[in-house]
Amino acid sequence: MTILQGLAILSGVAISAYLLYALFRPEQF
């Protein structure tokens, strides 16, 4: 795994977690 691949995976996980949080906590918007 290269550094770029690691960053891409971390970014994808972070975005996915944020989207899930946003879906389950719509009152925050």
PDB file of N, CA and C in Angstrom:
ATOM      1  N   MET A   1       0.864  -1.210   0.000  1.00  0.00           N
ATOM      2  CA  MET A   1       0.000   0.000   0.000  1.00  0.00           C
ATOM      3  C   MET A   1       0.886   1.241   0.000  1.00  0.00           C
ATOM      4  N   THR A   2       0.610   2.140  -0.904  1.00  0.00           N
ATOM      5  CA  THR A   2       1.389   3.370  -0.974  1.00  0.00           C
ATOM      6  C   THR A   2       0.774   4.422  -0.070  1.00  0.00           C
ATOM      7  N   ILE A   3       1.494   5.498   0.152  1.00  0.00           N
ATOM      8  CA  ILE A   3       0.985   6.580   1.005  1.00  0.00           C
ATOM      9  C   ILE A   3      -0.284   7.171   0.400  1.00  0.00           C
ATOM     10  N   LEU A   4      -0.284   7.349  -0.925  1.00  0.00           N
ATOM     11  CA  LEU A   4      -1.475   7.910  -1.578  1.00  0.00           C
ATOM     12  C   LEU A   4      -2.681   6.999  -1.400  1.00  0.00           C
ATOM     13  N   GLN A   5      -2.450   5.687  -1.519  1.00  0.00           N
ATOM     14  CA  GLN A   5      -3.556   4.747  -1.339  1.00  0.00           C
ATOM     15  C   GLN A   5      -4.078   4.828   0.093  1.00  0.00           C
ATOM     16  N   GLY A   6      -3.154   4.958   1.045  1.00  0.00           N
ATOM     17  CA  GLY A   6      -3.558   5.069   2.445  1.00  0.00           C
ATOM     18  C   GLY A   6      -4.388   6.317   2.675  1.00  0.00           C
ATOM     19  N   LEU A   7      -3.947   7.431   2.091  1.00  0.00           N
ATOM     20  CA  LEU A   7      -4.692   8.686   2.241  1.00  0.00           C
ATOM     21  C   LEU A   7      -6.062   8.581   1.595  1.00  0.00           C
ATOM     22  N   ALA A   8      -6.122   7.931   0.452  1.00  0.00           N
ATOM     23  CA  ALA A   8      -7.406   7.779  -0.247  1.00  0.00           C
ATOM     24  C   ALA A   8      -8.373   6.957   0.605  1.00  0.00           C
ATOM     25  N   ILE A   9      -7.873   5.884   1.209  1.00  0.00           N
ATOM     26  CA  ILE A   9      -8.729   5.038   2.045  1.00  0.00           C
ATOM     27  C   ILE A   9      -9.193   5.806   3.273  1.00  0.00           C
ATOM     28  N   LEU A  10      -8.280   6.525   3.929  1.00  0.00           N
ATOM     29  CA  LEU A  10      -8.647   7.302   5.117  1.00  0.00           C
ATOM     30  C   LEU A  10      -9.675   8.365   4.762  1.00  0.00           C
ATOM     31  N   SER A  11      -9.484   9.009   3.616  1.00  0.00           N
ATOM     32  CA  SER A  11     -10.430  10.043   3.194  1.00  0.00           C
ATOM     33  C   SER A  11     -11.806   9.425   2.939  1.00  0.00           C
ATOM     34  N   GLY A  12     -11.836   8.285   2.279  1.00  0.00           N
ATOM     35  CA  GLY A  12     -13.099   7.620   1.988  1.00  0.00           C
ATOM     36  C   GLY A  12     -13.814   7.226   3.277  1.00  0.00           C
ATOM     37  N   VAL A  13     -13.057   6.707   4.247  1.00  0.00           N
ATOM     38  CA  VAL A  13     -13.654   6.306   5.527  1.00  0.00           C
ATOM     39  C   VAL A  13     -14.199   7.527   6.250  1.00  0.00           C
ATOM     40  N   ALA A  14     -13.425   8.615   6.254  1.00  0.00           N
ATOM     41  CA  ALA A  14     -13.849   9.836   6.950  1.00  0.00           C
ATOM     42  C   ALA A  14     -15.125  10.393   6.322  1.00  0.00           C
ATOM     43  N   ILE A  15     -15.168  10.438   4.985  1.00  0.00           N
ATOM     44  CA  ILE A  15     -16.346  10.962   4.287  1.00  0.00           C
ATOM     45  C   ILE A  15     -17.557  10.069   4.543  1.00  0.00           C
ATOM     46  N   SER A  16     -17.346   8.755   4.482  1.00  0.00           N
ATOM     47  CA  SER A  16     -18.452   7.825   4.723  1.00  0.00           C
ATOM     48  C   SER A  16     -18.994   7.991   6.139  1.00  0.00           C
ATOM     49  N   ALA A  17     -18.099   8.113   7.119  1.00  0.00           N
ATOM     50  CA  ALA A  17     -18.525   8.276   8.507  1.00  0.00           C
ATOM     51  C   ALA A  17     -19.295   9.581   8.671  1.00  0.00           C
ATOM     52  N   TYR A  18     -18.818  10.653   8.036  1.00  0.00           N
ATOM     53  CA  TYR A  18     -19.509  11.946   8.134  1.00  0.00           C
ATOM     54  C   TYR A  18     -20.903  11.874   7.511  1.00  0.00           C
ATOM     55  N   LEU A  19     -21.006  11.217   6.364  1.00  0.00           N
ATOM     56  CA  LEU A  19     -22.306  11.103   5.700  1.00  0.00           C
ATOM     57  C   LEU A  19     -23.276  10.278   6.549  1.00  0.00           C
ATOM     58  N   LEU A  20     -22.787   9.184   7.145  1.00  0.00           N
ATOM     59  CA  LEU A  20     -23.649   8.361   7.996  1.00  0.00           C
ATOM     60  C   LEU A  20     -24.106   9.175   9.196  1.00  0.00           C
ATOM     61  N   TYR A  21     -23.188   9.942   9.786  1.00  0.00           N
ATOM     62  CA  TYR A  21     -23.536  10.779  10.937  1.00  0.00           C
ATOM     63  C   TYR A  21     -24.587  11.809  10.538  1.00  0.00           C
ATOM     64  N   ALA A  22     -24.413  12.400   9.348  1.00  0.00           N
ATOM     65  CA  ALA A  22     -25.363  13.413   8.876  1.00  0.00           C
ATOM     66  C   ALA A  22     -26.744  12.783   8.647  1.00  0.00           C
ATOM     67  N   LEU A  23     -26.767  11.548   8.137  1.00  0.00           N
ATOM     68  CA  LEU A  23     -28.046  10.888   7.879  1.00  0.00           C
ATOM     69  C   LEU A  23     -28.774  10.550   9.174  1.00  0.00           C
ATOM     70  N   PHE A  24     -28.021  10.131  10.185  1.00  0.00           N
ATOM     71  CA  PHE A  24     -28.642   9.739  11.446  1.00  0.00           C
ATOM     72  C   PHE A  24     -28.877  10.914  12.383  1.00  0.00           C
ATOM     73  N   ARG A  25     -28.281  12.081  12.065  1.00  0.00           N
ATOM     74  CA  ARG A  25     -28.465  13.259  12.906  1.00  0.00           C
ATOM     75  C   ARG A  25     -28.925  14.450  12.071  1.00  0.00           C
ATOM     76  N   PRO A  26     -30.054  14.322  11.343  1.00  0.00           N
ATOM     77  CA  PRO A  26     -30.531  15.380  10.449  1.00  0.00           C
ATOM     78  C   PRO A  26     -30.892  16.663  11.189  1.00  0.00           C
ATOM     79  N   GLU A  27     -31.178  16.563  12.498  1.00  0.00           N
ATOM     80  CA  GLU A  27     -31.575  17.761  13.241  1.00  0.00           C
ATOM     81  C   GLU A  27     -30.420  18.741  13.389  1.00  0.00           C
ATOM     82  N   GLN A  28     -29.209  18.276  13.126  1.00  0.00           N
ATOM     83  CA  GLN A  28     -28.045  19.164  13.232  1.00  0.00           C
ATOM     84  C   GLN A  28     -28.036  20.203  12.112  1.00  0.00           C
ATOM     85  N   PHE A  29     -28.796  19.930  11.065  1.00  0.00           N
ATOM     86  CA  PHE A  29     -28.841  20.872   9.947  1.00  0.00           C
ATOM     87  C   PHE A  29     -30.032  21.789  10.122  1.00  0.00           C
TER      88      PHE A  29
END
